[in-house]
């Protein structure tokens, strides 16, 4: 048993003083330090540095590790030229991205306070790295395949990858999950099988949705830049589904939809009605030129969302603090203090609820996952601690996962 004392604890969206936490692998109590010391006299006492805030460990809900080798290979600025460059350089990037490189990115996430991340896996090549990572990993086995002729083969390959993730040792902290690539790339028949599979096994479910204007034009009209793309690479000129059909396929199971930049008011209302959530990847959206997710609409509809980094195929780092600062700048009309608090909530309790995790808040029974942030000076106003955390932090001071210190 350990007892940790910090100047501030982030609890239920507020910064609370004069409290401490008793924990082993899970949080056992949250109370006054003197009461915890009386209750657990044999516990090891951990005192954080001055001006330290104790947060729940941060959760990055959407990461692609498989393209971590990208630095300048892929073309940024517009979605379709980027996608063409992915096709052109995919094999080289996958070959160059070895376990050492992916492990380095996991370690860098850890130093930015990420104690859990959602790994989107197209090929299963990063499973070994995720098993060895310190973090808890929601391992999203991704389903892709729009050609009905190969649908069964692709689905069977997907099932084998799901089984491999289910067979991981319990101490690896791997949580098997399902990801559906996108409306334009998954045939409705195997889409429904994947949703059913996630529902049967109560696995987290995720899907890219309406990332670009080109995607919307293709699904609605069968025209635009995607028409030439599908003709060139897949010898087809007709989309396999509609936006409405794709969205309705998830009605019976809560899903974490990624991007949603081009979703209209009706689609956002549907996402809210069915209890879904959204992963917002601000730098990825900006670098690929797909537009700005209107977070003010999400706030108005009370749709929970997370801030996520996406992968290095469309970003320059996997630091959640880099992502936070970019988010503050992208949404320049959002009230600064309130928005900073919302961003912290998006990677703690909101992210945990979206991925069905027993972490993300400092409450009894949750895993003892902590990120300790030491500020450069004593905050003058507690209501601004979230903002000072975002602006002044490059790496956290300490990280605990299930009660063990890793940073």
Protein backbone atom coordinates (compact mmCIF):
# COMPACT_ATOMS: atom_id res chain seq x y z
CA UNK A 1 0.00 0.00 0.00
CA UNK A 2 1.16 3.53 -0.81
CA UNK A 3 -0.18 6.96 0.06
CA UNK A 4 0.54 9.81 -2.33
CA UNK A 5 0.22 13.47 -1.41
CA UNK A 6 0.22 16.31 -3.95
CA UNK A 7 -0.73 19.98 -3.75
CA UNK A 8 -3.76 19.43 -5.95
CA UNK A 9 -5.86 16.47 -7.02
CA UNK A 10 -7.96 16.66 -10.18
CA UNK A 11 -11.32 15.26 -9.07
CA UNK A 12 -14.63 15.59 -10.95
CA UNK A 13 -13.36 18.47 -13.07
CA UNK A 14 -12.04 20.46 -10.11
CA UNK A 15 -8.66 20.96 -8.45
CA UNK A 16 -8.90 19.96 -4.82
CA UNK A 17 -6.38 20.70 -2.07
CA UNK A 18 -5.62 18.84 1.19
CA UNK A 19 -6.49 15.37 -0.07
CA UNK A 20 -4.35 12.28 -0.63
CA UNK A 21 -4.80 8.85 -2.20
CA UNK A 22 -4.15 5.40 -0.75
CA UNK A 23 -3.53 2.79 -3.42
CA UNK A 24 -2.08 -0.54 -4.41
CA UNK A 25 -2.92 -1.61 -7.97
CA UNK A 26 -6.24 0.18 -7.51
CA UNK A 27 -7.32 3.26 -5.60
CA UNK A 28 -8.37 2.19 -2.11
CA UNK A 29 -9.27 5.54 -0.54
CA UNK A 30 -9.30 9.29 -1.16
CA UNK A 31 -9.25 11.33 2.04
CA UNK A 32 -7.34 13.74 4.24
CA UNK A 33 -3.66 12.70 4.50
CA UNK A 34 -3.80 12.31 8.28
CA UNK A 35 -6.83 10.02 8.07
CA UNK A 36 -5.19 7.82 5.45
CA UNK A 37 -1.98 7.60 7.50
CA UNK A 38 -4.06 6.57 10.50
CA UNK A 39 -5.98 3.96 8.49
CA UNK A 40 -2.89 2.60 6.71
CA UNK A 41 0.02 3.07 9.17
CA UNK A 42 2.27 0.65 7.26
CA UNK A 43 1.79 2.34 3.90
CA UNK A 44 4.71 3.87 2.03
CA UNK A 45 4.33 7.65 1.90
CA UNK A 46 5.02 9.37 -1.43
CA UNK A 47 5.24 13.17 -1.38
CA UNK A 48 5.09 14.85 -4.77
CA UNK A 49 7.26 17.85 -5.56
CA UNK A 50 5.95 21.33 -4.70
CA UNK A 51 3.35 22.76 -7.12
CA UNK A 52 2.39 19.31 -8.36
CA UNK A 53 -1.05 18.34 -9.68
CA UNK A 54 -2.10 14.70 -9.48
CA UNK A 55 -4.19 13.73 -12.50
CA UNK A 56 -5.66 10.38 -13.51
CA UNK A 57 -3.44 8.88 -16.19
CA UNK A 58 -4.21 10.36 -19.60
CA UNK A 59 -5.86 8.27 -22.33
CA UNK A 60 -5.02 8.67 -26.03
CA UNK A 61 -7.97 6.92 -27.67
CA UNK A 62 -6.74 6.82 -31.28
CA UNK A 63 -3.14 6.07 -32.37
CA UNK A 64 -1.66 4.37 -35.42
CA UNK A 65 1.77 2.97 -34.52
CA UNK A 66 2.32 1.10 -37.80
CA UNK A 67 3.35 4.24 -39.71
CA UNK A 68 5.77 5.57 -37.09
CA UNK A 69 8.57 5.60 -39.68
CA UNK A 70 7.00 8.52 -41.53
CA UNK A 71 8.85 11.81 -41.30
CA UNK A 72 8.70 13.40 -44.75
CA UNK A 73 7.40 10.54 -46.96
CA UNK A 74 3.71 11.40 -46.89
CA UNK A 75 2.23 14.47 -48.50
CA UNK A 76 0.40 16.85 -46.18
CA UNK A 77 -1.99 19.68 -47.06
CA UNK A 78 -4.93 17.87 -48.69
CA UNK A 79 -6.57 14.53 -48.00
CA UNK A 80 -6.48 12.80 -51.39
CA UNK A 81 -2.84 13.64 -52.25
CA UNK A 82 -1.99 12.36 -48.76
CA UNK A 83 -3.92 9.13 -49.37
CA UNK A 84 -2.17 8.64 -52.72
CA UNK A 85 1.19 9.06 -50.96
CA UNK A 86 0.16 6.47 -48.36
CA UNK A 87 -0.50 3.95 -51.14
CA UNK A 88 2.78 4.85 -52.82
CA UNK A 89 4.99 4.63 -49.73
CA UNK A 90 3.05 2.18 -47.56
CA UNK A 91 5.25 -0.87 -48.08
CA UNK A 92 8.49 1.02 -47.44
CA UNK A 93 7.12 2.71 -44.32
CA UNK A 94 5.81 -0.55 -42.89
CA UNK A 95 9.13 -2.27 -43.54
CA UNK A 96 11.08 0.55 -41.89
CA UNK A 97 8.80 0.65 -38.84
CA UNK A 98 10.36 -1.99 -36.59
CA UNK A 99 9.57 -2.81 -32.95
CA UNK A 100 12.30 -0.52 -31.64
CA UNK A 101 10.77 2.45 -33.43
CA UNK A 102 7.26 1.72 -32.19
CA UNK A 103 8.50 1.12 -28.65
CA UNK A 104 10.19 4.53 -28.73
CA UNK A 105 6.85 6.15 -29.55
CA UNK A 106 5.13 4.24 -26.72
CA UNK A 107 7.80 5.53 -24.34
CA UNK A 108 7.34 9.10 -25.55
CA UNK A 109 3.59 8.82 -24.98
CA UNK A 110 4.32 7.55 -21.49
CA UNK A 111 6.45 10.61 -20.72
CA UNK A 112 3.54 12.85 -21.73
CA UNK A 113 1.35 11.10 -19.15
CA UNK A 114 -0.41 8.58 -21.42
CA UNK A 115 -1.16 5.50 -19.31
CA UNK A 116 -3.65 3.99 -21.79
CA UNK A 117 -3.88 4.27 -25.56
CA UNK A 118 -6.05 2.89 -28.32
CA UNK A 119 -3.85 1.28 -30.99
CA UNK A 120 -5.51 1.03 -34.40
CA UNK A 121 -3.98 -2.05 -36.03
CA UNK A 122 -4.43 -2.76 -39.72
CA UNK A 123 -2.01 -5.67 -39.92
CA UNK A 124 -1.33 -6.79 -36.34
CA UNK A 125 2.37 -5.99 -36.63
CA UNK A 126 2.44 -3.87 -33.46
CA UNK A 127 0.82 -6.45 -31.15
CA UNK A 128 4.15 -7.62 -29.74
CA UNK A 129 5.19 -4.04 -28.95
CA UNK A 130 1.84 -3.30 -27.33
CA UNK A 131 2.15 -6.43 -25.20
CA UNK A 132 5.50 -5.19 -23.91
CA UNK A 133 4.47 -1.57 -23.47
CA UNK A 134 4.05 -0.23 -19.96
CA UNK A 135 0.63 1.17 -20.83
CA UNK A 136 -2.75 -0.44 -20.97
CA UNK A 137 -3.53 -0.83 -24.69
CA UNK A 138 -7.00 -1.04 -26.20
CA UNK A 139 -5.95 -3.02 -29.27
CA UNK A 140 -8.32 -2.08 -32.09
CA UNK A 141 -8.12 -4.77 -34.77
CA UNK A 142 -9.10 -2.88 -37.89
CA UNK A 143 -11.44 -4.29 -40.53
CA UNK A 144 -11.03 -3.04 -44.09
CA UNK A 145 -12.34 -4.32 -47.42
CA UNK A 146 -14.97 -2.93 -49.78
CA UNK A 147 -14.77 -5.54 -52.54
CA UNK A 148 -17.50 -8.17 -52.07
CA UNK A 149 -15.38 -10.74 -53.93
CA UNK A 150 -12.72 -10.70 -51.18
CA UNK A 151 -14.97 -9.86 -48.24
CA UNK A 152 -14.90 -13.30 -46.62
CA UNK A 153 -11.12 -13.60 -46.96
CA UNK A 154 -10.56 -10.17 -45.43
CA UNK A 155 -13.01 -10.84 -42.63
CA UNK A 156 -11.32 -14.14 -41.79
CA UNK A 157 -7.95 -12.37 -41.64
CA UNK A 158 -9.53 -9.81 -39.31
CA UNK A 159 -10.87 -12.62 -37.09
CA UNK A 160 -7.41 -14.18 -36.82
CA UNK A 161 -6.00 -10.86 -35.63
CA UNK A 162 -8.83 -10.52 -33.10
CA UNK A 163 -8.04 -14.00 -31.78
CA UNK A 164 -4.35 -13.16 -31.50
CA UNK A 165 -5.14 -10.10 -29.37
CA UNK A 166 -7.52 -12.17 -27.23
CA UNK A 167 -4.73 -14.66 -26.60
CA UNK A 168 -2.34 -12.15 -25.01
CA UNK A 169 -1.14 -12.74 -21.46
CA UNK A 170 -3.23 -10.89 -18.82
CA UNK A 171 -0.21 -9.01 -17.48
CA UNK A 172 0.32 -7.41 -20.90
CA UNK A 173 -2.70 -5.13 -20.27
CA UNK A 174 -4.01 -5.75 -23.79
CA UNK A 175 -7.76 -5.14 -24.22
CA UNK A 176 -9.03 -6.65 -27.51
CA UNK A 177 -11.20 -4.28 -29.53
CA UNK A 178 -12.69 -3.78 -33.00
CA UNK A 179 -12.16 -0.91 -35.45
CA UNK A 180 -14.03 -0.43 -38.71
CA UNK A 181 -11.91 1.55 -41.15
CA UNK A 182 -14.49 3.84 -42.81
CA UNK A 183 -17.74 3.99 -44.81
CA UNK A 184 -15.89 4.02 -48.12
CA UNK A 185 -13.64 1.05 -47.38
CA UNK A 186 -15.79 -1.60 -45.66
CA UNK A 187 -18.52 -3.65 -47.32
CA UNK A 188 -21.85 -3.59 -45.43
CA UNK A 189 -21.94 -7.38 -45.06
CA UNK A 190 -18.70 -7.65 -43.13
CA UNK A 191 -19.39 -4.35 -41.35
CA UNK A 192 -22.44 -5.87 -39.70
CA UNK A 193 -20.46 -8.98 -38.72
CA UNK A 194 -17.82 -6.81 -37.05
CA UNK A 195 -20.37 -4.80 -35.08
CA UNK A 196 -22.05 -8.02 -33.96
CA UNK A 197 -18.70 -9.46 -32.90
CA UNK A 198 -17.88 -6.39 -30.80
CA UNK A 199 -21.31 -6.49 -29.21
CA UNK A 200 -21.15 -10.22 -28.39
CA UNK A 201 -17.75 -9.90 -26.70
CA UNK A 202 -18.41 -6.44 -25.22
CA UNK A 203 -15.31 -5.09 -26.94
CA UNK A 204 -14.71 -1.38 -27.52
CA UNK A 205 -15.72 -0.37 -31.06
CA UNK A 206 -14.33 2.44 -33.20
CA UNK A 207 -14.74 3.72 -36.77
CA UNK A 208 -13.37 6.54 -38.92
CA UNK A 209 -16.30 8.63 -40.09
CA UNK A 210 -16.57 11.56 -42.53
CA UNK A 211 -13.00 12.77 -42.22
CA UNK A 212 -12.89 14.66 -45.52
CA UNK A 213 -15.16 16.49 -47.96
CA UNK A 214 -14.00 14.03 -50.64
CA UNK A 215 -15.37 11.15 -48.57
CA UNK A 216 -18.74 12.87 -48.20
CA UNK A 217 -18.99 13.62 -51.95
CA UNK A 218 -18.14 10.02 -52.85
CA UNK A 219 -20.69 8.52 -50.46
CA UNK A 220 -23.46 10.94 -51.40
CA UNK A 221 -22.93 11.33 -55.15
CA UNK A 222 -20.40 8.71 -56.28
CA UNK A 223 -18.25 11.51 -57.65
CA UNK A 224 -15.24 13.65 -56.83
CA UNK A 225 -11.63 12.77 -56.05
CA UNK A 226 -12.49 9.37 -54.58
CA UNK A 227 -14.02 8.28 -57.91
CA UNK A 228 -10.64 8.41 -59.66
CA UNK A 229 -8.96 6.79 -56.62
CA UNK A 230 -11.31 3.80 -56.59
CA UNK A 231 -11.15 3.41 -60.36
CA UNK A 232 -7.35 3.42 -60.30
CA UNK A 233 -6.75 1.09 -57.37
CA UNK A 234 -9.92 -1.02 -57.13
CA UNK A 235 -11.48 -0.84 -60.60
CA UNK A 236 -14.83 0.32 -59.25
CA UNK A 237 -16.84 3.51 -59.65
CA UNK A 238 -19.68 2.99 -57.16
CA UNK A 239 -19.62 3.42 -53.36
CA UNK A 240 -20.60 0.30 -51.42
CA UNK A 241 -22.80 2.11 -48.88
CA UNK A 242 -24.37 5.44 -47.97
CA UNK A 243 -23.63 7.66 -45.00
CA UNK A 244 -26.98 6.84 -43.42
CA UNK A 245 -26.61 3.08 -43.90
CA UNK A 246 -23.13 3.13 -42.38
CA UNK A 247 -24.15 5.19 -39.38
CA UNK A 248 -27.26 3.11 -38.74
CA UNK A 249 -25.17 -0.08 -38.63
CA UNK A 250 -23.82 1.03 -35.24
CA UNK A 251 -27.17 1.87 -33.67
CA UNK A 252 -27.19 -1.08 -31.28
CA UNK A 253 -23.73 -0.61 -29.75
CA UNK A 254 -21.91 2.53 -28.53
CA UNK A 255 -19.09 3.43 -30.90
CA UNK A 256 -16.16 5.84 -30.78
CA UNK A 257 -16.34 7.65 -34.12
CA UNK A 258 -13.08 9.24 -35.27
CA UNK A 259 -12.81 12.69 -36.93
CA UNK A 260 -16.45 13.46 -37.96
CA UNK A 261 -15.17 16.75 -39.39
CA UNK A 262 -17.69 16.68 -42.25
CA UNK A 263 -20.64 15.34 -40.23
CA UNK A 264 -23.74 17.52 -40.53
CA UNK A 265 -26.20 18.51 -37.80
CA UNK A 266 -28.49 15.55 -38.47
CA UNK A 267 -25.63 13.05 -38.24
CA UNK A 268 -24.27 14.62 -35.05
CA UNK A 269 -27.74 14.47 -33.52
CA UNK A 270 -27.91 10.78 -34.46
CA UNK A 271 -24.53 10.16 -32.80
CA UNK A 272 -25.83 11.83 -29.64
CA UNK A 273 -29.13 9.93 -29.69
CA UNK A 274 -27.45 6.53 -29.97
CA UNK A 275 -24.94 7.20 -27.19
CA UNK A 276 -21.84 7.33 -29.38
CA UNK A 277 -18.71 9.42 -28.78
CA UNK A 278 -16.18 11.19 -31.01
CA UNK A 279 -12.38 11.18 -31.18
CA UNK A 280 -11.08 14.58 -32.26
CA UNK A 281 -7.59 14.65 -33.83
CA UNK A 282 -6.91 18.39 -34.39
CA UNK A 283 -3.37 18.31 -35.80
CA UNK A 284 -4.16 15.41 -38.12
CA UNK A 285 -7.21 17.27 -39.43
CA UNK A 286 -5.17 20.42 -40.01
CA UNK A 287 -2.22 18.66 -41.65
CA UNK A 288 -4.50 16.77 -44.05
CA UNK A 289 -6.57 19.85 -44.85
CA UNK A 290 -9.94 18.28 -44.04
CA UNK A 291 -11.37 21.19 -42.07
CA UNK A 292 -12.17 21.92 -38.44
CA UNK A 293 -14.43 19.80 -36.29
CA UNK A 294 -17.04 22.19 -34.89
CA UNK A 295 -16.56 21.38 -31.21
CA UNK A 296 -19.05 24.11 -30.32
CA UNK A 297 -21.73 21.88 -31.89
CA UNK A 298 -20.55 18.95 -29.79
CA UNK A 299 -20.77 21.15 -26.69
CA UNK A 300 -24.28 22.28 -27.62
CA UNK A 301 -25.44 18.70 -28.17
CA UNK A 302 -23.50 17.45 -25.13
CA UNK A 303 -21.68 14.81 -27.21
CA UNK A 304 -18.69 13.44 -25.27
CA UNK A 305 -15.43 13.64 -27.21
CA UNK A 306 -11.79 12.80 -26.70
CA UNK A 307 -8.65 14.52 -27.91
CA UNK A 308 -6.35 12.04 -29.68
CA UNK A 309 -3.12 12.28 -31.63
CA UNK A 310 -3.86 9.90 -34.51
CA UNK A 311 -0.59 8.42 -35.86
CA UNK A 312 2.64 9.76 -37.26
CA UNK A 313 1.22 9.20 -40.73
CA UNK A 314 -0.65 12.48 -40.13
CA UNK A 315 1.14 14.11 -37.21
CA UNK A 316 4.57 15.16 -36.00
CA UNK A 317 4.42 13.77 -32.44
CA UNK A 318 2.30 11.56 -30.19
CA UNK A 319 2.51 13.98 -27.25
CA UNK A 320 -0.89 14.72 -25.77
CA UNK A 321 0.39 18.14 -24.63
CA UNK A 322 1.39 19.05 -28.17
CA UNK A 323 -2.13 18.05 -29.18
CA UNK A 324 -3.71 20.12 -26.41
CA UNK A 325 -1.85 23.28 -27.41
CA UNK A 326 -2.78 22.81 -31.07
CA UNK A 327 -6.41 22.29 -30.04
CA UNK A 328 -6.46 25.55 -28.11
CA UNK A 329 -5.17 27.39 -31.18
CA UNK A 330 -7.40 25.65 -33.74
CA UNK A 331 -10.57 26.45 -31.79
CA UNK A 332 -9.64 30.05 -31.18
CA UNK A 333 -13.16 31.21 -30.29
CA UNK A 334 -13.64 28.73 -27.45
CA UNK A 335 -13.48 30.35 -23.96
CA UNK A 336 -9.91 29.62 -22.91
CA UNK A 337 -10.22 28.55 -19.26
CA UNK A 338 -13.36 26.47 -19.75
CA UNK A 339 -11.99 24.85 -22.88
CA UNK A 340 -8.73 23.88 -21.15
CA UNK A 341 -10.76 22.11 -18.46
CA UNK A 342 -12.79 20.37 -21.16
CA UNK A 343 -9.59 19.13 -22.83
CA UNK A 344 -8.34 17.58 -19.58
CA UNK A 345 -11.71 15.89 -19.11
CA UNK A 346 -11.58 14.62 -22.70
CA UNK A 347 -8.48 12.49 -22.01
CA UNK A 348 -9.49 11.32 -18.53
CA UNK A 349 -13.08 10.50 -17.56
CA UNK A 350 -14.63 11.03 -21.00
CA UNK A 351 -12.01 8.85 -22.68
CA UNK A 352 -12.38 6.12 -20.05
CA UNK A 353 -16.14 6.01 -20.52
CA UNK A 354 -15.80 5.97 -24.32
CA UNK A 355 -13.49 2.93 -24.19
CA UNK A 356 -15.21 1.18 -21.26
CA UNK A 357 -12.20 1.45 -18.93
CA UNK A 358 -11.84 1.32 -15.15
CA UNK A 359 -9.60 4.36 -14.97
CA UNK A 360 -9.74 8.02 -15.97
CA UNK A 361 -10.88 9.41 -12.62
CA UNK A 362 -9.51 9.41 -9.09
CA UNK A 363 -12.23 7.35 -7.47
CA UNK A 364 -12.12 4.30 -5.25
CA UNK A 365 -11.97 1.05 -7.19
CA UNK A 366 -10.39 2.46 -10.34
CA UNK A 367 -6.91 1.43 -11.42
CA UNK A 368 -4.19 3.49 -9.76
CA UNK A 369 -3.12 5.20 -12.99
CA UNK A 370 -1.67 8.65 -12.30
CA UNK A 371 0.08 11.44 -14.18
CA UNK A 372 1.83 13.96 -11.94
CA UNK A 373 2.41 17.39 -13.45
CA UNK A 374 4.75 19.80 -11.66
CA UNK A 375 4.02 23.44 -12.47
CA UNK A 376 6.84 26.04 -12.62
CA UNK A 377 5.32 28.08 -9.79
CA UNK A 378 2.38 28.10 -7.40
CA UNK A 379 -0.84 28.85 -9.30
CA UNK A 380 -2.39 32.19 -8.37
CA UNK A 381 -5.90 30.99 -9.25
CA UNK A 382 -6.98 27.35 -9.03
CA UNK A 383 -9.51 27.77 -11.84
CA UNK A 384 -6.59 28.26 -14.26
CA UNK A 385 -4.61 25.14 -13.33
CA UNK A 386 -5.85 23.21 -16.38
CA UNK A 387 -4.62 25.96 -18.69
CA UNK A 388 -1.25 26.30 -16.92
CA UNK A 389 -0.88 22.51 -17.12
CA UNK A 390 -1.39 22.58 -20.89
CA UNK A 391 0.79 25.61 -21.58
CA UNK A 392 3.75 24.76 -19.34
CA UNK A 393 4.08 20.97 -19.62
CA UNK A 394 6.23 19.15 -22.14
CA UNK A 395 6.69 15.99 -20.05
CA UNK A 396 5.01 14.94 -16.82
CA UNK A 397 7.01 14.54 -13.62
CA UNK A 398 5.89 11.00 -12.77
CA UNK A 399 3.64 8.26 -14.15
CA UNK A 400 2.01 5.40 -12.26
CA UNK A 401 0.17 2.49 -13.89
CA UNK A 402 -1.74 0.10 -11.64
CA UNK A 403 0.21 1.47 -8.68
CA UNK A 404 3.69 1.00 -10.14
CA UNK A 405 5.89 3.97 -11.01
CA UNK A 406 7.18 3.98 -14.62
CA UNK A 407 8.44 7.56 -14.98
